[in-house]
């Protein structure tokens, strides 16, 4: 599952560190999610979507 976190992060002018702080996770977690090495829990996925004020489907896309 691919994601657009890096895109939304750039749109909101957030660094990985700032996003990690807002989500109460480590910067390493953000790096792993952005590079598709880690799939966040459903709770974290909704937290990310809510932070960017979009639907989960807008952030996480099912694709190759």
N, C-alpha and C. Protein backbone atom coordinates (compact mmCIF):
# COMPACT_ATOMS: atom_id res chain seq x y z
N UNK A 1 0.85 -1.18 0.00
CA UNK A 1 0.00 0.00 0.00
C UNK A 1 0.89 1.24 0.00
N UNK A 2 0.67 2.09 -0.97
CA UNK A 2 1.46 3.31 -1.08
C UNK A 2 0.78 4.42 -0.29
N UNK A 3 1.55 5.47 -0.01
CA UNK A 3 0.97 6.58 0.71
C UNK A 3 1.49 7.90 0.16
N UNK A 4 0.77 8.95 0.50
CA UNK A 4 1.11 10.30 0.04
C UNK A 4 1.48 11.19 1.22
N UNK A 5 2.01 10.59 2.27
CA UNK A 5 2.34 11.37 3.46
C UNK A 5 3.35 12.46 3.15
N UNK A 6 4.36 12.13 2.38
CA UNK A 6 5.39 13.12 2.04
C UNK A 6 4.77 14.32 1.31
N UNK A 7 3.82 14.05 0.42
CA UNK A 7 3.14 15.11 -0.32
C UNK A 7 2.34 15.99 0.63
N UNK A 8 1.53 15.37 1.49
CA UNK A 8 0.72 16.14 2.43
C UNK A 8 1.60 16.88 3.43
N UNK A 9 2.69 16.28 3.81
CA UNK A 9 3.63 16.92 4.74
C UNK A 9 4.20 18.19 4.11
N UNK A 10 4.57 18.09 2.83
CA UNK A 10 5.10 19.25 2.10
C UNK A 10 4.04 20.34 1.94
N UNK A 11 2.81 19.93 1.66
CA UNK A 11 1.72 20.89 1.50
C UNK A 11 1.48 21.68 2.79
N UNK A 12 1.74 21.05 3.92
CA UNK A 12 1.52 21.69 5.22
C UNK A 12 2.83 22.23 5.81
N UNK A 13 3.89 22.18 5.01
CA UNK A 13 5.19 22.72 5.41
C UNK A 13 5.66 22.13 6.75
N UNK A 14 5.59 20.79 6.84
CA UNK A 14 6.02 20.09 8.05
C UNK A 14 7.25 19.25 7.77
N UNK A 15 8.18 19.24 8.70
CA UNK A 15 9.31 18.33 8.59
C UNK A 15 8.87 16.97 9.12
N UNK A 16 9.69 15.96 8.88
CA UNK A 16 9.38 14.64 9.43
C UNK A 16 9.32 14.70 10.95
N UNK A 17 10.22 15.45 11.54
CA UNK A 17 10.26 15.59 13.00
C UNK A 17 9.00 16.26 13.53
N UNK A 18 8.55 17.32 12.86
CA UNK A 18 7.34 18.02 13.30
C UNK A 18 6.12 17.13 13.18
N UNK A 19 6.02 16.38 12.09
CA UNK A 19 4.89 15.46 11.92
C UNK A 19 4.93 14.38 13.00
N UNK A 20 6.10 13.85 13.25
CA UNK A 20 6.25 12.82 14.28
C UNK A 20 5.78 13.33 15.64
N UNK A 21 6.14 14.56 15.97
CA UNK A 21 5.72 15.14 17.25
C UNK A 21 4.20 15.28 17.32
N UNK A 22 3.59 15.75 16.23
CA UNK A 22 2.14 15.92 16.21
C UNK A 22 1.40 14.59 16.34
N UNK A 23 2.02 13.52 15.84
CA UNK A 23 1.38 12.20 15.87
C UNK A 23 1.83 11.36 17.05
N UNK A 24 2.76 11.90 17.83
CA UNK A 24 3.30 11.19 19.00
C UNK A 24 3.96 9.86 18.61
N UNK A 25 4.77 9.93 17.54
CA UNK A 25 5.56 8.78 17.10
C UNK A 25 6.99 9.27 16.87
N UNK A 26 7.90 8.36 16.59
CA UNK A 26 9.28 8.75 16.33
C UNK A 26 9.46 9.19 14.88
N UNK A 27 10.50 9.95 14.64
CA UNK A 27 10.83 10.35 13.27
C UNK A 27 11.12 9.12 12.43
N UNK A 28 11.72 8.10 13.03
CA UNK A 28 12.02 6.86 12.32
C UNK A 28 10.74 6.19 11.83
N UNK A 29 9.67 6.31 12.60
CA UNK A 29 8.38 5.76 12.18
C UNK A 29 7.88 6.48 10.93
N UNK A 30 7.99 7.80 10.92
CA UNK A 30 7.56 8.58 9.76
C UNK A 30 8.40 8.19 8.53
N UNK A 31 9.71 8.07 8.72
CA UNK A 31 10.59 7.67 7.62
C UNK A 31 10.17 6.31 7.07
N UNK A 32 9.91 5.36 7.97
CA UNK A 32 9.53 4.00 7.55
C UNK A 32 8.19 3.99 6.82
N UNK A 33 7.23 4.79 7.29
CA UNK A 33 5.92 4.85 6.62
C UNK A 33 6.08 5.49 5.24
N UNK A 34 6.80 6.60 5.17
CA UNK A 34 6.98 7.30 3.89
C UNK A 34 7.68 6.43 2.85
N UNK A 35 8.59 5.59 3.31
CA UNK A 35 9.33 4.74 2.37
C UNK A 35 8.64 3.38 2.16
N UNK A 36 7.41 3.26 2.66
CA UNK A 36 6.60 2.05 2.51
C UNK A 36 7.25 0.81 3.12
N UNK A 37 8.05 1.00 4.16
CA UNK A 37 8.65 -0.13 4.87
C UNK A 37 7.82 -0.52 6.10
N UNK A 38 6.86 0.34 6.44
CA UNK A 38 6.03 0.10 7.62
C UNK A 38 4.62 0.56 7.32
N UNK A 39 3.65 -0.29 7.58
CA UNK A 39 2.25 0.05 7.40
C UNK A 39 1.69 0.44 8.77
N UNK A 40 1.24 1.67 8.92
CA UNK A 40 0.76 2.12 10.23
C UNK A 40 -0.51 1.39 10.65
N UNK A 41 -0.74 1.40 11.94
CA UNK A 41 -1.98 0.83 12.47
C UNK A 41 -3.15 1.66 11.94
N UNK A 42 -4.33 1.09 12.01
CA UNK A 42 -5.52 1.79 11.55
C UNK A 42 -5.70 3.09 12.35
N UNK A 43 -5.46 3.02 13.63
CA UNK A 43 -5.58 4.20 14.48
C UNK A 43 -4.64 5.31 14.05
N UNK A 44 -3.38 4.97 13.76
CA UNK A 44 -2.40 5.95 13.33
C UNK A 44 -2.76 6.48 11.94
N UNK A 45 -3.26 5.62 11.07
CA UNK A 45 -3.66 6.05 9.73
C UNK A 45 -4.77 7.10 9.81
N UNK A 46 -5.75 6.88 10.69
CA UNK A 46 -6.83 7.85 10.86
C UNK A 46 -6.32 9.13 11.49
N UNK A 47 -5.36 9.01 12.40
CA UNK A 47 -4.77 10.18 13.04
C UNK A 47 -4.05 11.05 12.00
N UNK A 48 -3.34 10.40 11.09
CA UNK A 48 -2.64 11.11 10.01
C UNK A 48 -3.66 11.82 9.12
N UNK A 49 -4.70 11.10 8.70
CA UNK A 49 -5.72 11.69 7.83
C UNK A 49 -6.41 12.87 8.52
N UNK A 50 -6.74 12.70 9.79
CA UNK A 50 -7.41 13.78 10.53
C UNK A 50 -6.51 15.00 10.64
N UNK A 51 -5.24 14.79 10.85
CA UNK A 51 -4.29 15.90 10.96
C UNK A 51 -4.28 16.72 9.67
N UNK A 52 -4.31 16.03 8.53
CA UNK A 52 -4.28 16.72 7.24
C UNK A 52 -5.68 17.09 6.75
N UNK A 53 -6.70 16.74 7.52
CA UNK A 53 -8.10 17.04 7.20
C UNK A 53 -8.53 16.44 5.85
N UNK A 54 -8.16 15.18 5.66
CA UNK A 54 -8.53 14.44 4.45
C UNK A 54 -9.02 13.05 4.86
N UNK A 55 -9.54 12.31 3.89
CA UNK A 55 -9.95 10.93 4.15
C UNK A 55 -8.73 10.02 4.14
N UNK A 56 -8.82 8.92 4.85
CA UNK A 56 -7.72 7.94 4.88
C UNK A 56 -7.37 7.51 3.47
N UNK A 57 -8.38 7.34 2.62
CA UNK A 57 -8.17 6.90 1.23
C UNK A 57 -7.35 7.91 0.43
N UNK A 58 -7.37 9.17 0.85
CA UNK A 58 -6.59 10.20 0.16
C UNK A 58 -5.11 10.10 0.50
N UNK A 59 -4.80 9.56 1.67
CA UNK A 59 -3.41 9.45 2.12
C UNK A 59 -2.82 8.09 1.72
N UNK A 60 -3.61 7.05 1.92
CA UNK A 60 -3.12 5.69 1.65
C UNK A 60 -3.86 5.12 0.44
N UNK A 61 -3.11 4.81 -0.59
CA UNK A 61 -3.71 4.31 -1.82
C UNK A 61 -3.25 2.88 -2.07
N UNK A 62 -4.19 2.05 -2.45
CA UNK A 62 -3.86 0.66 -2.76
C UNK A 62 -3.37 0.61 -4.20
N UNK A 63 -2.11 0.31 -4.36
CA UNK A 63 -1.54 0.27 -5.71
C UNK A 63 -0.22 -0.46 -5.71
N UNK A 64 0.29 -0.72 -6.88
CA UNK A 64 1.55 -1.45 -7.02
C UNK A 64 2.73 -0.55 -6.86
